[in-house]
């Protein structure tokens, strides 16, 4: 996948933060923390992961719209963009 360096840095930073959240959630479960606290953190991690997906898809959509023929040759047609979008939500 050919991403802009700034986008790659942004996504990897977000994913590292999510990794930390998931480790903290595991610790919370191991410690027997209250269900509401765990669910709140799970929701936050899930939302953060969705945002990474949407940001990545947004980048792909921009490429697709800028040069539809090239994007189509790379297997990234508007139909594929729609399928990917629907997988995220």
PDB file of N, CA and C in Angstrom:
ATOM      1  N   UNK A   1       0.845  -1.165   0.000  1.00  0.00           N
ATOM      2  CA  UNK A   1       0.000   0.000   0.000  1.00  0.00           C
ATOM      3  C   UNK A   1       0.895   1.235   0.000  1.00  0.00           C
ATOM      4  N   UNK A   2       0.602   2.122  -0.890  1.00  0.00           N
ATOM      5  CA  UNK A   2       1.415   3.329  -1.057  1.00  0.00           C
ATOM      6  C   UNK A   2       0.700   4.503  -0.396  1.00  0.00           C
ATOM      7  N   UNK A   3       1.137   4.843   0.806  1.00  0.00           N
ATOM      8  CA  UNK A   3       0.524   5.940   1.560  1.00  0.00           C
ATOM      9  C   UNK A   3       1.493   7.101   1.691  1.00  0.00           C
ATOM     10  N   UNK A   4       0.933   8.285   1.845  1.00  0.00           N
ATOM     11  CA  UNK A   4       1.752   9.464   2.112  1.00  0.00           C
ATOM     12  C   UNK A   4       2.478   9.248   3.443  1.00  0.00           C
ATOM     13  N   UNK A   5       3.737   9.660   3.542  1.00  0.00           N
ATOM     14  CA  UNK A   5       4.486   9.471   4.788  1.00  0.00           C
ATOM     15  C   UNK A   5       3.785  10.076   6.012  1.00  0.00           C
ATOM     16  N   UNK A   6       3.169  11.233   5.846  1.00  0.00           N
ATOM     17  CA  UNK A   6       2.477  11.869   6.972  1.00  0.00           C
ATOM     18  C   UNK A   6       1.293  11.021   7.444  1.00  0.00           C
ATOM     19  N   UNK A   7       0.559  10.445   6.491  1.00  0.00           N
ATOM     20  CA  UNK A   7      -0.571   9.588   6.840  1.00  0.00           C
ATOM     21  C   UNK A   7      -0.083   8.315   7.524  1.00  0.00           C
ATOM     22  N   UNK A   8       0.980   7.737   7.004  1.00  0.00           N
ATOM     23  CA  UNK A   8       1.544   6.532   7.614  1.00  0.00           C
ATOM     24  C   UNK A   8       1.937   6.801   9.060  1.00  0.00           C
ATOM     25  N   UNK A   9       2.594   7.927   9.292  1.00  0.00           N
ATOM     26  CA  UNK A   9       3.005   8.281  10.658  1.00  0.00           C
ATOM     27  C   UNK A   9       1.784   8.469  11.545  1.00  0.00           C
ATOM     28  N   UNK A  10       0.764   9.162  11.039  1.00  0.00           N
ATOM     29  CA  UNK A  10      -0.454   9.398  11.807  1.00  0.00           C
ATOM     30  C   UNK A  10      -1.133   8.080  12.167  1.00  0.00           C
ATOM     31  N   UNK A  11      -1.274   7.186  11.193  1.00  0.00           N
ATOM     32  CA  UNK A  11      -1.952   5.918  11.453  1.00  0.00           C
ATOM     33  C   UNK A  11      -1.157   5.037  12.407  1.00  0.00           C
ATOM     34  N   UNK A  12       0.155   4.978  12.235  1.00  0.00           N
ATOM     35  CA  UNK A  12       0.948   4.132  13.133  1.00  0.00           C
ATOM     36  C   UNK A  12       0.950   4.681  14.557  1.00  0.00           C
ATOM     37  N   UNK A  13       0.928   5.999  14.695  1.00  0.00           N
ATOM     38  CA  UNK A  13       0.838   6.601  16.032  1.00  0.00           C
ATOM     39  C   UNK A  13      -0.490   6.244  16.687  1.00  0.00           C
ATOM     40  N   UNK A  14      -1.573   6.361  15.913  1.00  0.00           N
ATOM     41  CA  UNK A  14      -2.895   6.007  16.433  1.00  0.00           C
ATOM     42  C   UNK A  14      -2.953   4.536  16.832  1.00  0.00           C
ATOM     43  N   UNK A  15      -2.400   3.674  15.982  1.00  0.00           N
ATOM     44  CA  UNK A  15      -2.427   2.234  16.278  1.00  0.00           C
ATOM     45  C   UNK A  15      -1.603   1.900  17.518  1.00  0.00           C
ATOM     46  N   UNK A  16      -0.494   2.578  17.706  1.00  0.00           N
ATOM     47  CA  UNK A  16       0.310   2.357  18.915  1.00  0.00           C
ATOM     48  C   UNK A  16      -0.484   2.746  20.156  1.00  0.00           C
ATOM     49  N   UNK A  17      -1.225   3.842  20.065  1.00  0.00           N
ATOM     50  CA  UNK A  17      -2.054   4.280  21.178  1.00  0.00           C
ATOM     51  C   UNK A  17      -3.150   3.241  21.463  1.00  0.00           C
ATOM     52  N   UNK A  18      -3.735   2.701  20.403  1.00  0.00           N
ATOM     53  CA  UNK A  18      -4.774   1.678  20.554  1.00  0.00           C
ATOM     54  C   UNK A  18      -4.192   0.417  21.191  1.00  0.00           C
ATOM     55  N   UNK A  19      -2.987   0.049  20.794  1.00  0.00           N
ATOM     56  CA  UNK A  19      -2.322  -1.104  21.411  1.00  0.00           C
ATOM     57  C   UNK A  19      -2.217  -0.910  22.924  1.00  0.00           C
ATOM     58  N   UNK A  20      -1.841   0.282  23.328  1.00  0.00           N
ATOM     59  CA  UNK A  20      -1.751   0.587  24.756  1.00  0.00           C
ATOM     60  C   UNK A  20      -3.109   0.481  25.431  1.00  0.00           C
ATOM     61  N   UNK A  21      -4.147   0.973  24.760  1.00  0.00           N
ATOM     62  CA  UNK A  21      -5.494   0.881  25.312  1.00  0.00           C
ATOM     63  C   UNK A  21      -5.902  -0.577  25.502  1.00  0.00           C
ATOM     64  N   UNK A  22      -5.615  -1.402  24.506  1.00  0.00           N
ATOM     65  CA  UNK A  22      -6.006  -2.810  24.575  1.00  0.00           C
ATOM     66  C   UNK A  22      -5.247  -3.522  25.699  1.00  0.00           C
ATOM     67  N   UNK A  23      -3.972  -3.222  25.853  1.00  0.00           N
ATOM     68  CA  UNK A  23      -3.210  -3.818  26.966  1.00  0.00           C
ATOM     69  C   UNK A  23      -3.808  -3.396  28.306  1.00  0.00           C
ATOM     70  N   UNK A  24      -4.201  -2.129  28.402  1.00  0.00           N
ATOM     71  CA  UNK A  24      -4.807  -1.638  29.645  1.00  0.00           C
ATOM     72  C   UNK A  24      -6.146  -2.331  29.909  1.00  0.00           C
ATOM     73  N   UNK A  25      -6.900  -2.583  28.864  1.00  0.00           N
ATOM     74  CA  UNK A  25      -8.183  -3.281  29.016  1.00  0.00           C
ATOM     75  C   UNK A  25      -7.955  -4.701  29.514  1.00  0.00           C
ATOM     76  N   UNK A  26      -6.963  -5.374  28.951  1.00  0.00           N
ATOM     77  CA  UNK A  26      -6.642  -6.731  29.407  1.00  0.00           C
ATOM     78  C   UNK A  26      -6.286  -6.719  30.891  1.00  0.00           C
ATOM     79  N   UNK A  27      -5.490  -5.740  31.292  1.00  0.00           N
ATOM     80  CA  UNK A  27      -5.108  -5.622  32.699  1.00  0.00           C
ATOM     81  C   UNK A  27      -6.336  -5.374  33.570  1.00  0.00           C
ATOM     82  N   UNK A  28      -7.226  -4.525  33.091  1.00  0.00           N
ATOM     83  CA  UNK A  28      -8.454  -4.239  33.847  1.00  0.00           C
ATOM     84  C   UNK A  28      -9.260  -5.524  34.073  1.00  0.00           C
ATOM     85  N   UNK A  29      -9.364  -6.346  33.032  1.00  0.00           N
ATOM     86  CA  UNK A  29     -10.109  -7.601  33.154  1.00  0.00           C
ATOM     87  C   UNK A  29      -9.408  -8.540  34.116  1.00  0.00           C
ATOM     88  N   UNK A  30      -8.079  -8.646  33.991  1.00  0.00           N
ATOM     89  CA  UNK A  30      -7.308  -9.509  34.890  1.00  0.00           C
ATOM     90  C   UNK A  30      -7.442  -9.074  36.340  1.00  0.00           C
ATOM     91  N   UNK A  31      -7.554  -7.779  36.559  1.00  0.00           N
ATOM     92  CA  UNK A  31      -7.680  -7.243  37.917  1.00  0.00           C
ATOM     93  C   UNK A  31      -9.112  -7.293  38.436  1.00  0.00           C
ATOM     94  N   UNK A  32     -10.041  -7.710  37.586  1.00  0.00           N
ATOM     95  CA  UNK A  32     -11.432  -7.801  38.013  1.00  0.00           C
ATOM     96  C   UNK A  32     -12.112  -6.449  38.152  1.00  0.00           C
ATOM     97  N   UNK A  33     -11.700  -5.489  37.324  1.00  0.00           N
ATOM     98  CA  UNK A  33     -12.296  -4.149  37.395  1.00  0.00           C
ATOM     99  C   UNK A  33     -13.768  -4.192  37.040  1.00  0.00           C
ATOM    100  N   UNK A  34     -14.463  -3.164  37.429  1.00  0.00           N
ATOM    101  CA  UNK A  34     -15.893  -3.050  37.242  1.00  0.00           C
ATOM    102  C   UNK A  34     -16.268  -3.081  35.757  1.00  0.00           C
ATOM    103  N   UNK A  35     -17.331  -3.785  35.449  1.00  0.00           N
ATOM    104  CA  UNK A  35     -17.766  -3.999  34.064  1.00  0.00           C
ATOM    105  C   UNK A  35     -17.944  -2.687  33.298  1.00  0.00           C
ATOM    106  N   UNK A  36     -18.576  -1.700  33.903  1.00  0.00           N
ATOM    107  CA  UNK A  36     -18.806  -0.428  33.213  1.00  0.00           C
ATOM    108  C   UNK A  36     -17.505   0.240  32.801  1.00  0.00           C
ATOM    109  N   UNK A  37     -16.502   0.156  33.661  1.00  0.00           N
ATOM    110  CA  UNK A  37     -15.199   0.752  33.333  1.00  0.00           C
ATOM    111  C   UNK A  37     -14.571   0.060  32.124  1.00  0.00           C
ATOM    112  N   UNK A  38     -14.645  -1.269  32.121  1.00  0.00           N
ATOM    113  CA  UNK A  38     -14.058  -2.047  31.028  1.00  0.00           C
ATOM    114  C   UNK A  38     -14.790  -1.753  29.721  1.00  0.00           C
ATOM    115  N   UNK A  39     -16.111  -1.742  29.774  1.00  0.00           N
ATOM    116  CA  UNK A  39     -16.905  -1.477  28.572  1.00  0.00           C
ATOM    117  C   UNK A  39     -16.610  -0.073  28.026  1.00  0.00           C
ATOM    118  N   UNK A  40     -16.469   0.889  28.910  1.00  0.00           N
ATOM    119  CA  UNK A  40     -16.152   2.250  28.475  1.00  0.00           C
ATOM    120  C   UNK A  40     -14.827   2.275  27.718  1.00  0.00           C
ATOM    121  N   UNK A  41     -13.833   1.581  28.237  1.00  0.00           N
ATOM    122  CA  UNK A  41     -12.524   1.535  27.582  1.00  0.00           C
ATOM    123  C   UNK A  41     -12.574   0.745  26.280  1.00  0.00           C
ATOM    124  N   UNK A  42     -13.342  -0.338  26.255  1.00  0.00           N
ATOM    125  CA  UNK A  42     -13.517  -1.104  25.016  1.00  0.00           C
ATOM    126  C   UNK A  42     -14.150  -0.241  23.931  1.00  0.00           C
ATOM    127  N   UNK A  43     -15.143   0.531  24.325  1.00  0.00           N
ATOM    128  CA  UNK A  43     -15.812   1.418  23.377  1.00  0.00           C
ATOM    129  C   UNK A  43     -14.841   2.452  22.823  1.00  0.00           C
ATOM    130  N   UNK A  44     -14.021   3.015  23.688  1.00  0.00           N
ATOM    131  CA  UNK A  44     -13.039   4.015  23.254  1.00  0.00           C
ATOM    132  C   UNK A  44     -12.035   3.404  22.278  1.00  0.00           C
ATOM    133  N   UNK A  45     -11.557   2.202  22.571  1.00  0.00           N
ATOM    134  CA  UNK A  45     -10.591   1.531  21.692  1.00  0.00           C
ATOM    135  C   UNK A  45     -11.234   1.180  20.354  1.00  0.00           C
ATOM    136  N   UNK A  46     -12.464   0.730  20.400  1.00  0.00           N
ATOM    137  CA  UNK A  46     -13.189   0.383  19.178  1.00  0.00           C
ATOM    138  C   UNK A  46     -13.384   1.615  18.295  1.00  0.00           C
ATOM    139  N   UNK A  47     -13.779   2.724  18.909  1.00  0.00           N
ATOM    140  CA  UNK A  47     -13.962   3.972  18.164  1.00  0.00           C
ATOM    141  C   UNK A  47     -12.646   4.430  17.547  1.00  0.00           C
ATOM    142  N   UNK A  48     -11.572   4.328  18.301  1.00  0.00           N
ATOM    143  CA  UNK A  48     -10.254   4.728  17.795  1.00  0.00           C
ATOM    144  C   UNK A  48      -9.845   3.857  16.610  1.00  0.00           C
ATOM    145  N   UNK A  49     -10.122   2.564  16.689  1.00  0.00           N
ATOM    146  CA  UNK A  49      -9.790   1.663  15.586  1.00  0.00           C
ATOM    147  C   UNK A  49     -10.633   1.984  14.350  1.00  0.00           C
ATOM    148  N   UNK A  50     -11.905   2.278  14.566  1.00  0.00           N
ATOM    149  CA  UNK A  50     -12.766   2.700  13.446  1.00  0.00           C
ATOM    150  C   UNK A  50     -12.200   3.941  12.775  1.00  0.00           C
ATOM    151  N   UNK A  51     -11.722   4.883  13.568  1.00  0.00           N
ATOM    152  CA  UNK A  51     -11.181   6.123  13.007  1.00  0.00           C
ATOM    153  C   UNK A  51      -9.959   5.854  12.130  1.00  0.00           C
ATOM    154  N   UNK A  52      -9.139   4.896  12.528  1.00  0.00           N
ATOM    155  CA  UNK A  52      -7.991   4.521  11.699  1.00  0.00           C
ATOM    156  C   UNK A  52      -8.494   3.979  10.363  1.00  0.00           C
ATOM    157  N   UNK A  53      -9.499   3.123  10.425  1.00  0.00           N
ATOM    158  CA  UNK A  53     -10.055   2.565   9.191  1.00  0.00           C
ATOM    159  C   UNK A  53     -10.633   3.632   8.291  1.00  0.00           C
ATOM    160  N   UNK A  54     -11.388   4.565   8.866  1.00  0.00           N
ATOM    161  CA  UNK A  54     -11.987   5.624   8.065  1.00  0.00           C
ATOM    162  C   UNK A  54     -10.925   6.539   7.460  1.00  0.00           C
ATOM    163  N   UNK A  55      -9.887   6.816   8.228  1.00  0.00           N
ATOM    164  CA  UNK A  55      -8.812   7.671   7.713  1.00  0.00           C
ATOM    165  C   UNK A  55      -8.105   6.984   6.538  1.00  0.00           C
ATOM    166  N   UNK A  56      -7.867   5.694   6.683  1.00  0.00           N
ATOM    167  CA  UNK A  56      -7.228   4.927   5.616  1.00  0.00           C
ATOM    168  C   UNK A  56      -8.129   4.880   4.380  1.00  0.00           C
ATOM    169  N   UNK A  57      -9.414   4.624   4.584  1.00  0.00           N
ATOM    170  CA  UNK A  57     -10.354   4.575   3.475  1.00  0.00           C
ATOM    171  C   UNK A  57     -10.493   5.938   2.805  1.00  0.00           C
ATOM    172  N   UNK A  58     -10.486   6.989   3.584  1.00  0.00           N
ATOM    173  CA  UNK A  58     -10.569   8.339   3.037  1.00  0.00           C
ATOM    174  C   UNK A  58      -9.407   8.606   2.084  1.00  0.00           C
ATOM    175  N   UNK A  59      -8.231   8.166   2.469  1.00  0.00           N
ATOM    176  CA  UNK A  59      -7.062   8.337   1.613  1.00  0.00           C
ATOM    177  C   UNK A  59      -7.254   7.581   0.305  1.00  0.00           C
ATOM    178  N   UNK A  60      -7.768   6.376   0.394  1.00  0.00           N
ATOM    179  CA  UNK A  60      -8.017   5.584  -0.807  1.00  0.00           C
ATOM    180  C   UNK A  60      -9.071   6.219  -1.698  1.00  0.00           C
ATOM    181  N   UNK A  61     -10.102   6.783  -1.089  1.00  0.00           N
ATOM    182  CA  UNK A  61     -11.155   7.434  -1.859  1.00  0.00           C
ATOM    183  C   UNK A  61     -10.598   8.639  -2.608  1.00  0.00           C
ATOM    184  N   UNK A  62      -9.726   9.375  -1.960  1.00  0.00           N
ATOM    185  CA  UNK A  62      -9.130  10.536  -2.616  1.00  0.00           C
ATOM    186  C   UNK A  62      -8.338  10.104  -3.846  1.00  0.00           C
ATOM    187  N   UNK A  63      -7.580   9.016  -3.695  1.00  0.00           N
ATOM    188  CA  UNK A  63      -6.818   8.492  -4.837  1.00  0.00           C
ATOM    189  C   UNK A  63      -7.751   8.055  -5.946  1.00  0.00           C
ATOM    190  N   UNK A  64      -8.825   7.387  -5.553  1.00  0.00           N
ATOM    191  CA  UNK A  64      -9.786   6.870  -6.520  1.00  0.00           C
ATOM    192  C   UNK A  64     -10.449   8.011  -7.285  1.00  0.00           C
ATOM    193  N   UNK A  65     -10.788   9.067  -6.581  1.00  0.00           N
ATOM    194  CA  UNK A  65     -11.469  10.193  -7.219  1.00  0.00           C
ATOM    195  C   UNK A  65     -10.526  11.026  -8.076  1.00  0.00           C
ATOM    196  N   UNK A  66      -9.259  11.083  -7.696  1.00  0.00           N
ATOM    197  CA  UNK A  66      -8.285  11.863  -8.467  1.00  0.00           C
ATOM    198  C   UNK A  66      -7.986  11.212  -9.813  1.00  0.00           C
ATOM    199  N   UNK A  67      -7.884   9.893  -9.825  1.00  0.00           N
ATOM    200  CA  UNK A  67      -7.563   9.184 -11.061  1.00  0.00           C
ATOM    201  C   UNK A  67      -8.308   7.852 -11.069  1.00  0.00           C
ATOM    202  N   UNK A  68      -9.598   7.873 -11.426  1.00  0.00           N
ATOM    203  CA  UNK A  68     -10.424   6.663 -11.370  1.00  0.00           C
ATOM    204  C   UNK A  68      -9.883   5.504 -12.216  1.00  0.00           C
ATOM    205  N   UNK A  69      -9.321   5.802 -13.380  1.00  0.00           N
ATOM    206  CA  UNK A  69      -8.809   4.725 -14.235  1.00  0.00           C
ATOM    207  C   UNK A  69      -7.629   4.012 -13.574  1.00  0.00           C
ATOM    208  N   UNK A  70      -6.706   4.798 -13.047  1.00  0.00           N
ATOM    209  CA  UNK A  70      -5.535   4.210 -12.375  1.00  0.00           C
ATOM    210  C   UNK A  70      -5.972   3.426 -11.137  1.00  0.00           C
ATOM    211  N   UNK A  71      -6.870   4.017 -10.364  1.00  0.00           N
ATOM    212  CA  UNK A  71      -7.359   3.337  -9.164  1.00  0.00           C
ATOM    213  C   UNK A  71      -8.052   2.028  -9.526  1.00  0.00           C
ATOM    214  N   UNK A  72      -8.854   2.056 -10.610  1.00  0.00           N
ATOM    215  CA  UNK A  72      -9.532   0.844 -11.058  1.00  0.00           C
ATOM    216  C   UNK A  72      -8.565  -0.245 -11.462  1.00  0.00           C
ATOM    217  N   UNK A  73      -7.481   0.134 -12.129  1.00  0.00           N
ATOM    218  CA  UNK A  73      -6.452  -0.841 -12.523  1.00  0.00           C
ATOM    219  C   UNK A  73      -5.783  -1.456 -11.298  1.00  0.00           C
ATOM    220  N   UNK A  74      -5.729  -0.690 -10.208  1.00  0.00           N
ATOM    221  CA  UNK A  74      -5.120  -1.178  -8.973  1.00  0.00           C
ATOM    222  C   UNK A  74      -6.129  -1.960  -8.123  1.00  0.00           C
ATOM    223  N   UNK A  75      -7.362  -2.135  -8.664  1.00  0.00           N
ATOM    224  CA  UNK A  75      -8.381  -2.884  -7.933  1.00  0.00           C
ATOM    225  C   UNK A  75      -9.134  -2.050  -6.923  1.00  0.00           C
ATOM    226  N   UNK A  76      -9.070  -0.745  -7.061  1.00  0.00           N
ATOM    227  CA  UNK A  76      -9.715   0.138  -6.091  1.00  0.00           C
ATOM    228  C   UNK A  76     -10.796   0.949  -6.802  1.00  0.00           C
ATOM    229  N   UNK A  77     -11.820   0.258  -7.258  1.00  0.00           N
ATOM    230  CA  UNK A  77     -12.933   0.909  -7.944  1.00  0.00           C
ATOM    231  C   UNK A  77     -13.867   1.538  -6.910  1.00  0.00           C
ATOM    232  N   UNK A  78     -14.786   2.354  -7.381  1.00  0.00           N
ATOM    233  CA  UNK A  78     -15.756   2.959  -6.463  1.00  0.00           C
ATOM    234  C   UNK A  78     -16.600   1.875  -5.787  1.00  0.00           C
ATOM    235  N   UNK A  79     -16.884   0.803  -6.507  1.00  0.00           N
ATOM    236  CA  UNK A  79     -17.641  -0.309  -5.910  1.00  0.00           C
ATOM    237  C   UNK A  79     -16.851  -0.928  -4.760  1.00  0.00           C
ATOM    238  N   UNK A  80     -15.554  -1.072  -4.953  1.00  0.00           N
ATOM    239  CA  UNK A  80     -14.708  -1.627  -3.892  1.00  0.00           C
ATOM    240  C   UNK A  80     -14.644  -0.676  -2.700  1.00  0.00           C
ATOM    241  N   UNK A  81     -14.572   0.616  -2.965  1.00  0.00           N
ATOM    242  CA  UNK A  81     -14.570   1.617  -1.896  1.00  0.00           C
ATOM    243  C   UNK A  81     -15.853   1.486  -1.077  1.00  0.00           C
ATOM    244  N   UNK A  82     -16.980   1.341  -1.772  1.00  0.00           N
ATOM    245  CA  UNK A  82     -18.258   1.198  -1.070  1.00  0.00           C
ATOM    246  C   UNK A  82     -18.269  -0.056  -0.198  1.00  0.00           C
ATOM    247  N   UNK A  83     -17.784  -1.181  -0.724  1.00  0.00           N
ATOM    248  CA  UNK A  83     -17.726  -2.421   0.056  1.00  0.00           C
ATOM    249  C   UNK A  83     -16.861  -2.239   1.304  1.00  0.00           C
ATOM    250  N   UNK A  84     -15.716  -1.601   1.134  1.00  0.00           N
ATOM    251  CA  UNK A  84     -14.822  -1.381   2.275  1.00  0.00           C
ATOM    252  C   UNK A  84     -15.476  -0.464   3.309  1.00  0.00           C
ATOM    253  N   UNK A  85     -16.136   0.579   2.831  1.00  0.00           N
ATOM    254  CA  UNK A  85     -16.818   1.496   3.758  1.00  0.00           C
ATOM    255  C   UNK A  85     -17.864   0.738   4.564  1.00  0.00           C
ATOM    256  N   UNK A  86     -18.637  -0.099   3.913  1.00  0.00           N
ATOM    257  CA  UNK A  86     -19.697  -0.835   4.609  1.00  0.00           C
ATOM    258  C   UNK A  86     -19.127  -1.850   5.600  1.00  0.00           C
ATOM    259  N   UNK A  87     -17.930  -2.343   5.355  1.00  0.00           N
ATOM    260  CA  UNK A  87     -17.294  -3.255   6.308  1.00  0.00           C
ATOM    261  C   UNK A  87     -16.916  -2.543   7.608  1.00  0.00           C
ATOM    262  N   UNK A  88     -16.627  -1.241   7.503  1.00  0.00           N
ATOM    263  CA  UNK A  88     -16.220  -0.496   8.695  1.00  0.00           C
ATOM    264  C   UNK A  88     -17.375  -0.217   9.640  1.00  0.00           C
ATOM    265  N   UNK A  89     -18.582  -0.140   9.140  1.00  0.00           N
ATOM    266  CA  UNK A  89     -19.728   0.121  10.016  1.00  0.00           C
ATOM    267  C   UNK A  89     -20.864  -0.764   9.740  1.00  0.00           C
TER     268      UNK A  89
END
